[in-house]
């Protein structure tokens, strides 16, 4: 186990020893981490692992940037407090939060369909007559 850690630590130290490589590596980590965070944020209101993807992106950024590590810890705390608050609410409040989330998701899907149009592979018989939607 220690040999693996030394090996990983070694290649990062070799990169940090060269100024140009260090800058290129940090830029690459920054780009990859940011793309993953933005993708995760886009998935937060949709079914799926949105927050998990956000945390993954922040962990990648946090491997090179101290501000990202602090942000990750703060976001984890806020999400934890939010989840704890929701679990203490009665069924009516949780249901209303679920309905509001579902309405938001439906709104996002509708907006995407209005902006980009309905895909051609969707049969016209499945397209309801909604304002703004054309096939």
N, C-alpha and C. Protein backbone atom coordinates (compact mmCIF):
# COMPACT_ATOMS: atom_id res chain seq x y z
N UNK A 1 0.83 -1.19 0.00
CA UNK A 1 0.00 0.00 0.00
C UNK A 1 0.87 1.26 0.00
N UNK A 2 1.91 1.25 0.81
CA UNK A 2 2.78 2.43 0.86
C UNK A 2 3.53 2.62 -0.44
N UNK A 3 3.88 1.53 -1.10
CA UNK A 3 4.58 1.64 -2.38
C UNK A 3 3.69 2.31 -3.42
N UNK A 4 2.40 2.01 -3.38
CA UNK A 4 1.46 2.63 -4.32
C UNK A 4 1.35 4.11 -4.02
N UNK A 5 1.24 4.47 -2.75
CA UNK A 5 1.16 5.88 -2.38
C UNK A 5 2.41 6.63 -2.81
N UNK A 6 3.57 6.03 -2.60
CA UNK A 6 4.81 6.68 -3.02
C UNK A 6 4.85 6.87 -4.52
N UNK A 7 4.37 5.87 -5.24
CA UNK A 7 4.37 5.94 -6.70
C UNK A 7 3.46 7.07 -7.18
N UNK A 8 2.25 7.15 -6.61
CA UNK A 8 1.32 8.22 -6.99
C UNK A 8 1.90 9.56 -6.58
N UNK A 9 2.40 9.63 -5.38
CA UNK A 9 2.99 10.86 -4.87
C UNK A 9 4.18 11.26 -5.74
N UNK A 10 4.92 10.30 -6.21
CA UNK A 10 6.11 10.57 -7.02
C UNK A 10 5.79 11.23 -8.34
N UNK A 11 4.80 10.75 -9.07
CA UNK A 11 4.51 11.36 -10.36
C UNK A 11 3.95 12.76 -10.21
N UNK A 12 3.21 13.01 -9.15
CA UNK A 12 2.71 14.37 -8.92
C UNK A 12 3.85 15.30 -8.54
N UNK A 13 4.79 14.79 -7.79
CA UNK A 13 5.95 15.62 -7.43
C UNK A 13 6.80 15.93 -8.65
N UNK A 14 6.92 14.95 -9.55
CA UNK A 14 7.68 15.21 -10.78
C UNK A 14 6.99 16.27 -11.63
N UNK A 15 5.66 16.24 -11.66
CA UNK A 15 4.92 17.27 -12.40
C UNK A 15 5.11 18.63 -11.74
N UNK A 16 5.02 18.67 -10.43
CA UNK A 16 5.16 19.94 -9.70
C UNK A 16 6.58 20.50 -9.81
N UNK A 17 7.55 19.65 -10.04
CA UNK A 17 8.93 20.10 -10.14
C UNK A 17 9.18 20.92 -11.41
N UNK A 18 8.37 20.72 -12.42
CA UNK A 18 8.51 21.47 -13.67
C UNK A 18 7.39 22.48 -13.76
N UNK A 19 7.75 23.74 -13.83
CA UNK A 19 6.76 24.81 -13.78
C UNK A 19 5.73 24.70 -14.91
N UNK A 20 6.17 24.48 -16.12
CA UNK A 20 5.25 24.38 -17.26
C UNK A 20 4.30 23.20 -17.12
N UNK A 21 4.84 22.06 -16.72
CA UNK A 21 4.00 20.88 -16.54
C UNK A 21 3.01 21.09 -15.40
N UNK A 22 3.46 21.76 -14.34
CA UNK A 22 2.59 22.01 -13.19
C UNK A 22 1.42 22.89 -13.61
N UNK A 23 1.70 23.95 -14.36
CA UNK A 23 0.63 24.82 -14.82
C UNK A 23 -0.33 24.07 -15.74
N UNK A 24 0.19 23.30 -16.67
CA UNK A 24 -0.66 22.53 -17.58
C UNK A 24 -1.51 21.53 -16.82
N UNK A 25 -0.92 20.86 -15.84
CA UNK A 25 -1.65 19.88 -15.02
C UNK A 25 -2.78 20.55 -14.24
N UNK A 26 -2.49 21.70 -13.63
CA UNK A 26 -3.51 22.42 -12.86
C UNK A 26 -4.64 22.89 -13.77
N UNK A 27 -4.30 23.36 -14.96
CA UNK A 27 -5.33 23.79 -15.91
C UNK A 27 -6.19 22.60 -16.31
N UNK A 28 -5.56 21.47 -16.60
CA UNK A 28 -6.30 20.27 -16.97
C UNK A 28 -7.23 19.81 -15.84
N UNK A 29 -6.72 19.77 -14.63
CA UNK A 29 -7.54 19.39 -13.47
C UNK A 29 -8.68 20.39 -13.31
N UNK A 30 -8.41 21.67 -13.49
CA UNK A 30 -9.43 22.69 -13.38
C UNK A 30 -10.54 22.53 -14.41
N UNK A 31 -10.16 22.24 -15.64
CA UNK A 31 -11.14 22.06 -16.71
C UNK A 31 -11.99 20.82 -16.46
N UNK A 32 -11.33 19.70 -16.18
CA UNK A 32 -12.05 18.44 -15.96
C UNK A 32 -12.98 18.57 -14.75
N UNK A 33 -12.48 19.10 -13.64
CA UNK A 33 -13.29 19.25 -12.44
C UNK A 33 -14.48 20.17 -12.66
N UNK A 34 -14.26 21.27 -13.37
CA UNK A 34 -15.35 22.22 -13.63
C UNK A 34 -16.42 21.61 -14.52
N UNK A 35 -16.01 20.90 -15.56
CA UNK A 35 -16.99 20.25 -16.44
C UNK A 35 -17.83 19.25 -15.66
N UNK A 36 -17.20 18.49 -14.78
CA UNK A 36 -17.93 17.50 -13.99
C UNK A 36 -18.88 18.18 -13.01
N UNK A 37 -18.44 19.27 -12.36
CA UNK A 37 -19.31 20.00 -11.43
C UNK A 37 -20.51 20.58 -12.16
N UNK A 38 -20.28 21.22 -13.31
CA UNK A 38 -21.38 21.82 -14.07
C UNK A 38 -22.36 20.73 -14.54
N UNK A 39 -21.83 19.62 -15.02
CA UNK A 39 -22.69 18.51 -15.42
C UNK A 39 -23.50 17.98 -14.25
N UNK A 40 -22.88 17.86 -13.10
CA UNK A 40 -23.58 17.39 -11.90
C UNK A 40 -24.66 18.36 -11.47
N UNK A 41 -24.37 19.67 -11.53
CA UNK A 41 -25.38 20.66 -11.18
C UNK A 41 -26.57 20.60 -12.12
N UNK A 42 -26.31 20.33 -13.39
CA UNK A 42 -27.41 20.19 -14.34
C UNK A 42 -28.26 18.98 -14.01
N UNK A 43 -27.66 17.96 -13.40
CA UNK A 43 -28.40 16.74 -13.06
C UNK A 43 -29.08 16.79 -11.70
N UNK A 44 -28.78 17.80 -10.89
CA UNK A 44 -29.35 17.85 -9.54
C UNK A 44 -30.88 17.79 -9.55
N UNK A 45 -31.58 18.59 -10.36
CA UNK A 45 -33.04 18.51 -10.31
C UNK A 45 -33.61 17.29 -11.02
N UNK A 46 -32.81 16.61 -11.78
CA UNK A 46 -33.29 15.45 -12.53
C UNK A 46 -33.02 14.17 -11.76
N UNK A 47 -33.75 13.12 -12.06
CA UNK A 47 -33.48 11.85 -11.38
C UNK A 47 -32.06 11.37 -11.71
N UNK A 48 -31.36 10.96 -10.71
CA UNK A 48 -30.00 10.48 -10.94
C UNK A 48 -29.05 11.00 -9.87
N UNK A 49 -27.79 10.73 -10.05
CA UNK A 49 -26.80 11.04 -9.02
C UNK A 49 -26.22 12.44 -9.13
N UNK A 50 -27.05 13.47 -9.24
CA UNK A 50 -26.56 14.83 -9.44
C UNK A 50 -25.57 15.29 -8.39
N UNK A 51 -25.95 15.19 -7.11
CA UNK A 51 -25.05 15.66 -6.05
C UNK A 51 -23.78 14.82 -5.98
N UNK A 52 -23.91 13.54 -6.25
CA UNK A 52 -22.72 12.69 -6.24
C UNK A 52 -21.72 13.16 -7.30
N UNK A 53 -22.22 13.52 -8.47
CA UNK A 53 -21.36 14.00 -9.55
C UNK A 53 -20.74 15.35 -9.16
N UNK A 54 -21.53 16.23 -8.53
CA UNK A 54 -20.99 17.52 -8.08
C UNK A 54 -19.85 17.29 -7.09
N UNK A 55 -20.06 16.39 -6.12
CA UNK A 55 -19.02 16.11 -5.14
C UNK A 55 -17.78 15.50 -5.79
N UNK A 56 -17.98 14.66 -6.79
CA UNK A 56 -16.85 14.09 -7.51
C UNK A 56 -16.04 15.19 -8.19
N UNK A 57 -16.73 16.11 -8.86
CA UNK A 57 -16.03 17.23 -9.51
C UNK A 57 -15.30 18.11 -8.51
N UNK A 58 -15.94 18.38 -7.37
CA UNK A 58 -15.28 19.18 -6.35
C UNK A 58 -14.08 18.46 -5.75
N UNK A 59 -14.17 17.14 -5.62
CA UNK A 59 -13.03 16.37 -5.11
C UNK A 59 -11.86 16.44 -6.10
N UNK A 60 -12.18 16.37 -7.39
CA UNK A 60 -11.13 16.48 -8.41
C UNK A 60 -10.49 17.86 -8.32
N UNK A 61 -11.32 18.90 -8.26
CA UNK A 61 -10.78 20.26 -8.12
C UNK A 61 -10.00 20.41 -6.82
N UNK A 62 -10.52 19.81 -5.74
CA UNK A 62 -9.88 19.91 -4.44
C UNK A 62 -8.53 19.23 -4.36
N UNK A 63 -8.25 18.34 -5.32
CA UNK A 63 -6.94 17.70 -5.33
C UNK A 63 -5.83 18.69 -5.69
N UNK A 64 -6.19 19.82 -6.30
CA UNK A 64 -5.19 20.82 -6.68
C UNK A 64 -5.47 22.21 -6.14
N UNK A 65 -6.71 22.48 -5.75
CA UNK A 65 -7.07 23.83 -5.33
C UNK A 65 -7.69 23.80 -3.94
N UNK A 66 -7.09 24.54 -3.00
CA UNK A 66 -7.57 24.55 -1.62
C UNK A 66 -8.97 25.13 -1.52
N UNK A 67 -9.29 26.15 -2.32
CA UNK A 67 -10.62 26.75 -2.27
C UNK A 67 -11.70 25.73 -2.63
N UNK A 68 -11.39 24.83 -3.56
CA UNK A 68 -12.37 23.81 -3.97
C UNK A 68 -12.59 22.81 -2.84
N UNK A 69 -11.54 22.48 -2.10
CA UNK A 69 -11.69 21.56 -0.97
C UNK A 69 -12.57 22.18 0.10
N UNK A 70 -12.35 23.48 0.38
CA UNK A 70 -13.20 24.17 1.36
C UNK A 70 -14.64 24.25 0.88
N UNK A 71 -14.84 24.52 -0.41
CA UNK A 71 -16.18 24.59 -0.98
C UNK A 71 -16.88 23.23 -0.89
N UNK A 72 -16.13 22.16 -1.16
CA UNK A 72 -16.71 20.81 -1.07
C UNK A 72 -17.20 20.53 0.34
N UNK A 73 -16.39 20.86 1.33
CA UNK A 73 -16.79 20.62 2.72
C UNK A 73 -18.01 21.46 3.09
N UNK A 74 -18.06 22.71 2.63
CA UNK A 74 -19.20 23.57 2.92
C UNK A 74 -20.47 23.03 2.26
N UNK A 75 -20.38 22.64 0.97
CA UNK A 75 -21.55 22.12 0.25
C UNK A 75 -22.04 20.84 0.91
N UNK A 76 -21.13 19.97 1.31
CA UNK A 76 -21.54 18.75 2.00
C UNK A 76 -22.32 19.07 3.27
N UNK A 77 -21.86 20.07 4.00
CA UNK A 77 -22.56 20.47 5.23
C UNK A 77 -23.95 21.01 4.94
N UNK A 78 -24.06 21.88 3.93
CA UNK A 78 -25.36 22.46 3.58
C UNK A 78 -26.33 21.38 3.10
N UNK A 79 -25.87 20.49 2.25
CA UNK A 79 -26.73 19.41 1.76
C UNK A 79 -27.14 18.49 2.92
N UNK A 80 -26.20 18.21 3.81
CA UNK A 80 -26.52 17.38 4.97
C UNK A 80 -27.58 18.02 5.86
N UNK A 81 -27.47 19.33 6.09
CA UNK A 81 -28.48 20.04 6.89
C UNK A 81 -29.83 20.00 6.18
N UNK A 82 -29.85 20.21 4.87
CA UNK A 82 -31.09 20.19 4.08
C UNK A 82 -31.75 18.80 4.16
N UNK A 83 -30.96 17.76 3.98
CA UNK A 83 -31.51 16.40 4.04
C UNK A 83 -32.05 16.10 5.44
N UNK A 84 -31.30 16.52 6.46
CA UNK A 84 -31.75 16.29 7.84
C UNK A 84 -33.07 17.03 8.09
N UNK A 85 -33.19 18.27 7.58
CA UNK A 85 -34.41 19.05 7.76
C UNK A 85 -35.59 18.36 7.07
N UNK A 86 -35.37 17.90 5.84
CA UNK A 86 -36.46 17.25 5.10
C UNK A 86 -36.93 15.98 5.81
N UNK A 87 -36.00 15.19 6.31
CA UNK A 87 -36.39 13.93 6.95
C UNK A 87 -37.18 14.16 8.25
N UNK A 88 -37.06 15.33 8.85
CA UNK A 88 -37.81 15.62 10.09
C UNK A 88 -39.21 16.15 9.80
N UNK A 89 -39.52 16.47 8.55
CA UNK A 89 -40.82 17.05 8.20
C UNK A 89 -41.87 15.96 8.09
N UNK A 90 -43.13 16.40 8.23
CA UNK A 90 -44.21 15.43 8.10
C UNK A 90 -44.42 15.06 6.63
N UNK A 91 -45.27 14.09 6.41
CA UNK A 91 -45.48 13.55 5.07
C UNK A 91 -46.01 14.61 4.10
N UNK A 92 -46.85 15.51 4.56
CA UNK A 92 -47.41 16.54 3.69
C UNK A 92 -46.30 17.46 3.15
N UNK A 93 -45.44 17.92 4.03
CA UNK A 93 -44.35 18.82 3.60
C UNK A 93 -43.41 18.10 2.64
N UNK A 94 -43.05 16.87 2.97
CA UNK A 94 -42.17 16.10 2.07
C UNK A 94 -42.83 15.88 0.72
N UNK A 95 -44.14 15.62 0.73
CA UNK A 95 -44.88 15.43 -0.53
C UNK A 95 -44.90 16.71 -1.36
N UNK A 96 -45.11 17.85 -0.70
CA UNK A 96 -45.12 19.13 -1.41
C UNK A 96 -43.74 19.43 -2.01
N UNK A 97 -42.69 19.12 -1.28
CA UNK A 97 -41.33 19.32 -1.81
C UNK A 97 -41.11 18.40 -3.01
N UNK A 98 -41.58 17.16 -2.91
CA UNK A 98 -41.46 16.23 -4.03
C UNK A 98 -42.24 16.70 -5.25
N UNK A 99 -43.47 17.21 -5.03
CA UNK A 99 -44.28 17.73 -6.14
C UNK A 99 -43.63 18.96 -6.77
N UNK A 100 -43.07 19.84 -5.95
CA UNK A 100 -42.39 21.02 -6.49
C UNK A 100 -41.18 20.61 -7.31
N UNK A 101 -40.45 19.62 -6.85
CA UNK A 101 -39.30 19.12 -7.61
C UNK A 101 -39.75 18.52 -8.92
N UNK A 102 -40.82 17.73 -8.89
CA UNK A 102 -41.34 17.12 -10.11
C UNK A 102 -41.82 18.19 -11.09
N UNK A 103 -42.48 19.23 -10.59
CA UNK A 103 -42.94 20.32 -11.47
C UNK A 103 -41.75 21.03 -12.10
N UNK A 104 -40.69 21.21 -11.34
CA UNK A 104 -39.49 21.84 -11.88
C UNK A 104 -38.88 20.99 -12.99
N UNK A 105 -38.80 19.69 -12.76
CA UNK A 105 -38.24 18.78 -13.77
C UNK A 105 -39.08 18.80 -15.03
N UNK A 106 -40.41 18.75 -14.88
CA UNK A 106 -41.30 18.80 -16.05
C UNK A 106 -41.10 20.13 -16.79
N UNK A 107 -40.96 21.21 -16.05
CA UNK A 107 -40.72 22.52 -16.67
C UNK A 107 -39.42 22.57 -17.44
N UNK A 108 -38.37 21.98 -16.87
CA UNK A 108 -37.07 21.95 -17.56
C UNK A 108 -37.17 21.12 -18.84
N UNK A 109 -37.81 19.96 -18.76
CA UNK A 109 -37.96 19.11 -19.95
C UNK A 109 -38.78 19.84 -21.01
N UNK A 110 -39.86 20.49 -20.61
CA UNK A 110 -40.70 21.23 -21.55
C UNK A 110 -39.89 22.35 -22.21
N UNK A 111 -39.13 23.11 -21.41
CA UNK A 111 -38.32 24.20 -21.96
C UNK A 111 -37.29 23.67 -22.95
N UNK A 112 -36.66 22.56 -22.64
CA UNK A 112 -35.69 21.96 -23.57
C UNK A 112 -36.37 21.56 -24.87
N UNK A 113 -37.56 20.98 -24.76
CA UNK A 113 -38.29 20.58 -25.97
C UNK A 113 -38.72 21.79 -26.80
N UNK A 114 -39.10 22.87 -26.15
CA UNK A 114 -39.48 24.09 -26.87
C UNK A 114 -38.26 24.67 -27.58
N UNK A 115 -37.13 24.73 -26.90
CA UNK A 115 -35.93 25.34 -27.49
C UNK A 115 -35.35 24.47 -28.59
N UNK A 116 -35.20 23.18 -28.34
CA UNK A 116 -34.53 22.30 -29.30
C UNK A 116 -35.48 21.53 -30.21
N UNK A 117 -36.75 21.53 -29.88
CA UNK A 117 -37.72 20.79 -30.69
C UNK A 117 -37.80 19.33 -30.25
N UNK A 118 -38.83 18.70 -30.73
CA UNK A 118 -39.04 17.29 -30.41
C UNK A 118 -38.16 16.46 -31.35
N UNK A 119 -37.44 15.48 -30.82
CA UNK A 119 -36.58 14.67 -31.68
C UNK A 119 -37.40 13.98 -32.78
N UNK A 120 -36.78 13.80 -33.91
CA UNK A 120 -37.49 13.21 -35.04
C UNK A 120 -37.84 11.75 -34.82
N UNK A 121 -37.12 11.07 -33.93
CA UNK A 121 -37.41 9.66 -33.69
C UNK A 121 -38.67 9.46 -32.86
N UNK A 122 -39.25 10.56 -32.33
CA UNK A 122 -40.50 10.47 -31.57
C UNK A 122 -41.67 10.53 -32.55
N UNK A 123 -42.53 9.54 -32.48
CA UNK A 123 -43.69 9.47 -33.36
C UNK A 123 -44.66 10.62 -33.06
N UNK A 124 -45.31 11.15 -34.10
CA UNK A 124 -46.23 12.27 -33.92
C UNK A 124 -47.42 11.90 -33.04
N UNK A 125 -47.78 10.64 -32.99
CA UNK A 125 -48.93 10.25 -32.17
C UNK A 125 -48.64 10.38 -30.68
N UNK A 126 -47.35 10.44 -30.30
CA UNK A 126 -46.98 10.60 -28.90
C UNK A 126 -46.81 12.05 -28.50
N UNK A 127 -46.90 12.98 -29.46
CA UNK A 127 -46.69 14.39 -29.17
C UNK A 127 -48.03 15.05 -28.87
N UNK A 128 -48.22 15.47 -27.63
CA UNK A 128 -49.48 16.14 -27.29
C UNK A 128 -49.50 17.55 -27.88
N UNK A 129 -50.68 18.08 -28.13
CA UNK A 129 -50.77 19.43 -28.68
C UNK A 129 -50.52 20.49 -27.60
N UNK A 130 -49.24 20.74 -27.32
CA UNK A 130 -48.88 21.74 -26.31
C UNK A 130 -48.35 22.98 -27.01
N UNK A 131 -48.66 24.17 -26.46
CA UNK A 131 -48.17 25.39 -27.09
C UNK A 131 -46.64 25.45 -27.11
N UNK A 132 -46.11 25.82 -28.24
CA UNK A 132 -44.66 25.98 -28.37
C UNK A 132 -43.97 24.73 -28.84
N UNK A 133 -44.63 23.56 -28.82
CA UNK A 133 -44.00 22.32 -29.24
C UNK A 133 -44.39 21.99 -30.68
N UNK A 134 -43.38 21.79 -31.51
CA UNK A 134 -43.62 21.36 -32.89
C UNK A 134 -42.67 20.22 -33.20
N UNK A 135 -43.09 19.37 -34.08
CA UNK A 135 -42.24 18.24 -34.46
C UNK A 135 -41.49 18.54 -35.72
